[in-house]
């Protein structure tokens, strides 16, 4: 409706239109509040997903570091075992030589 149409309407009819518009505004405000709540929930879910992704990256870094430490440990243990085996082999050879010279 344009301005000229409102001039020909009675006060009662204008009041009814205003009441209808007021009811419609209330409906729209309720609908808007519901949609805002849904949007906030989605934003929280998206934010949590981002936090989960960040945590996953950090956990991966921790596991990579732990794996490197474990690999270093295994390497050092193998190195020590080999060193000990070489020492025993050397001692065995030395022991055989000293037994031969005693005879």
Protein backbone atom coordinates (compact mmCIF):
# COMPACT_ATOMS: atom_id res chain seq x y z
CA UNK A 1 0.00 0.00 0.00
CA UNK A 2 1.12 3.50 -0.70
CA UNK A 3 0.55 6.67 1.35
CA UNK A 4 -2.58 7.67 -0.47
CA UNK A 5 -4.27 4.35 0.32
CA UNK A 6 -3.66 4.84 4.06
CA UNK A 7 -5.47 8.17 3.99
CA UNK A 8 -8.71 6.47 2.99
CA UNK A 9 -8.56 3.81 5.71
CA UNK A 10 -10.36 4.26 9.00
CA UNK A 11 -8.52 4.48 12.29
CA UNK A 12 -9.87 1.06 13.24
CA UNK A 13 -8.50 -0.51 10.08
CA UNK A 14 -5.14 1.24 10.58
CA UNK A 15 -5.01 -0.06 14.13
CA UNK A 16 -5.74 -3.61 12.89
CA UNK A 17 -2.97 -3.29 10.30
CA UNK A 18 -0.58 -2.06 13.00
CA UNK A 19 -1.53 -4.96 15.26
CA UNK A 20 -0.96 -7.45 12.42
CA UNK A 21 2.38 -5.84 11.64
CA UNK A 22 3.33 -5.92 15.30
CA UNK A 23 2.47 -9.64 15.47
CA UNK A 24 4.48 -10.29 12.33
CA UNK A 25 7.44 -8.38 13.78
CA UNK A 26 7.27 -10.55 16.92
CA UNK A 27 7.21 -13.71 14.78
CA UNK A 28 10.21 -12.52 12.80
CA UNK A 29 12.11 -11.58 15.97
CA UNK A 30 11.49 -15.06 17.41
CA UNK A 31 12.59 -16.66 14.14
CA UNK A 32 15.68 -14.46 14.10
CA UNK A 33 16.55 -15.44 17.69
CA UNK A 34 16.25 -19.14 16.78
CA UNK A 35 18.45 -18.70 13.72
CA UNK A 36 21.02 -16.74 15.73
CA UNK A 37 21.20 -19.58 18.27
CA UNK A 38 21.69 -22.09 15.46
CA UNK A 39 24.38 -19.89 13.93
CA UNK A 40 26.17 -19.57 17.28
CA UNK A 41 26.10 -23.36 17.69
CA UNK A 42 27.58 -23.79 14.21
CA UNK A 43 30.27 -21.21 14.98
CA UNK A 44 31.12 -23.10 18.17
CA UNK A 45 31.31 -26.38 16.26
CA UNK A 46 33.55 -24.77 13.65
CA UNK A 47 35.72 -23.23 16.38
CA UNK A 48 35.97 -26.59 18.17
CA UNK A 49 36.87 -28.28 14.90
CA UNK A 50 39.68 -25.76 14.50
CA UNK A 51 40.83 -26.46 18.04
CA UNK A 52 40.74 -30.20 17.38
CA UNK A 53 42.78 -29.74 14.22
CA UNK A 54 45.35 -27.66 16.10
CA UNK A 55 45.53 -30.26 18.86
CA UNK A 56 46.01 -32.99 16.27
CA UNK A 57 48.92 -31.11 14.73
CA UNK A 58 50.52 -30.62 18.14
CA UNK A 59 50.02 -34.28 19.03
CA UNK A 60 51.62 -35.28 15.74
CA UNK A 61 54.62 -33.12 16.59
CA UNK A 62 54.87 -34.74 20.02
CA UNK A 63 54.65 -38.23 18.54
CA UNK A 64 57.25 -37.41 15.90
CA UNK A 65 59.61 -36.16 18.60
CA UNK A 66 58.92 -39.22 20.78
CA UNK A 67 59.61 -41.48 17.79
CA UNK A 68 62.91 -39.70 17.13
CA UNK A 69 63.91 -40.11 20.77
CA UNK A 70 62.98 -43.80 20.66
CA UNK A 71 64.93 -44.27 17.40
CA UNK A 72 67.98 -42.57 18.95
CA UNK A 73 67.71 -44.80 22.03
CA UNK A 74 67.51 -47.99 19.93
CA UNK A 75 70.46 -46.80 17.83
CA UNK A 76 72.55 -46.14 20.94
CA UNK A 77 71.63 -49.49 22.51
CA UNK A 78 72.61 -51.31 19.30
CA UNK A 79 75.85 -49.33 19.22
CA UNK A 80 76.63 -50.26 22.82
CA UNK A 81 75.83 -53.93 22.16
CA UNK A 82 78.11 -53.94 19.13
CA UNK A 83 80.86 -52.22 21.12
CA UNK A 84 80.48 -54.80 23.89
CA UNK A 85 80.55 -57.66 21.37
CA UNK A 86 83.72 -56.24 19.80
CA UNK A 87 85.30 -55.90 23.24
CA UNK A 88 84.40 -59.51 24.10
CA UNK A 89 85.77 -60.71 20.76
CA UNK A 90 88.99 -58.75 21.36
CA UNK A 91 89.27 -60.10 24.90
CA UNK A 92 88.68 -63.61 23.57
CA UNK A 93 91.48 -63.18 21.02
CA UNK A 94 93.78 -61.75 23.67
CA UNK A 95 92.90 -64.60 25.98
CA UNK A 96 93.70 -67.20 23.27
CA UNK A 97 97.05 -65.52 22.54
CA UNK A 98 97.99 -65.47 26.19
CA UNK A 99 96.99 -69.16 26.55
CA UNK A 100 99.20 -70.08 23.56
CA UNK A 101 102.15 -68.20 24.98
CA UNK A 102 101.75 -69.91 28.37
CA UNK A 103 101.95 -73.36 26.80
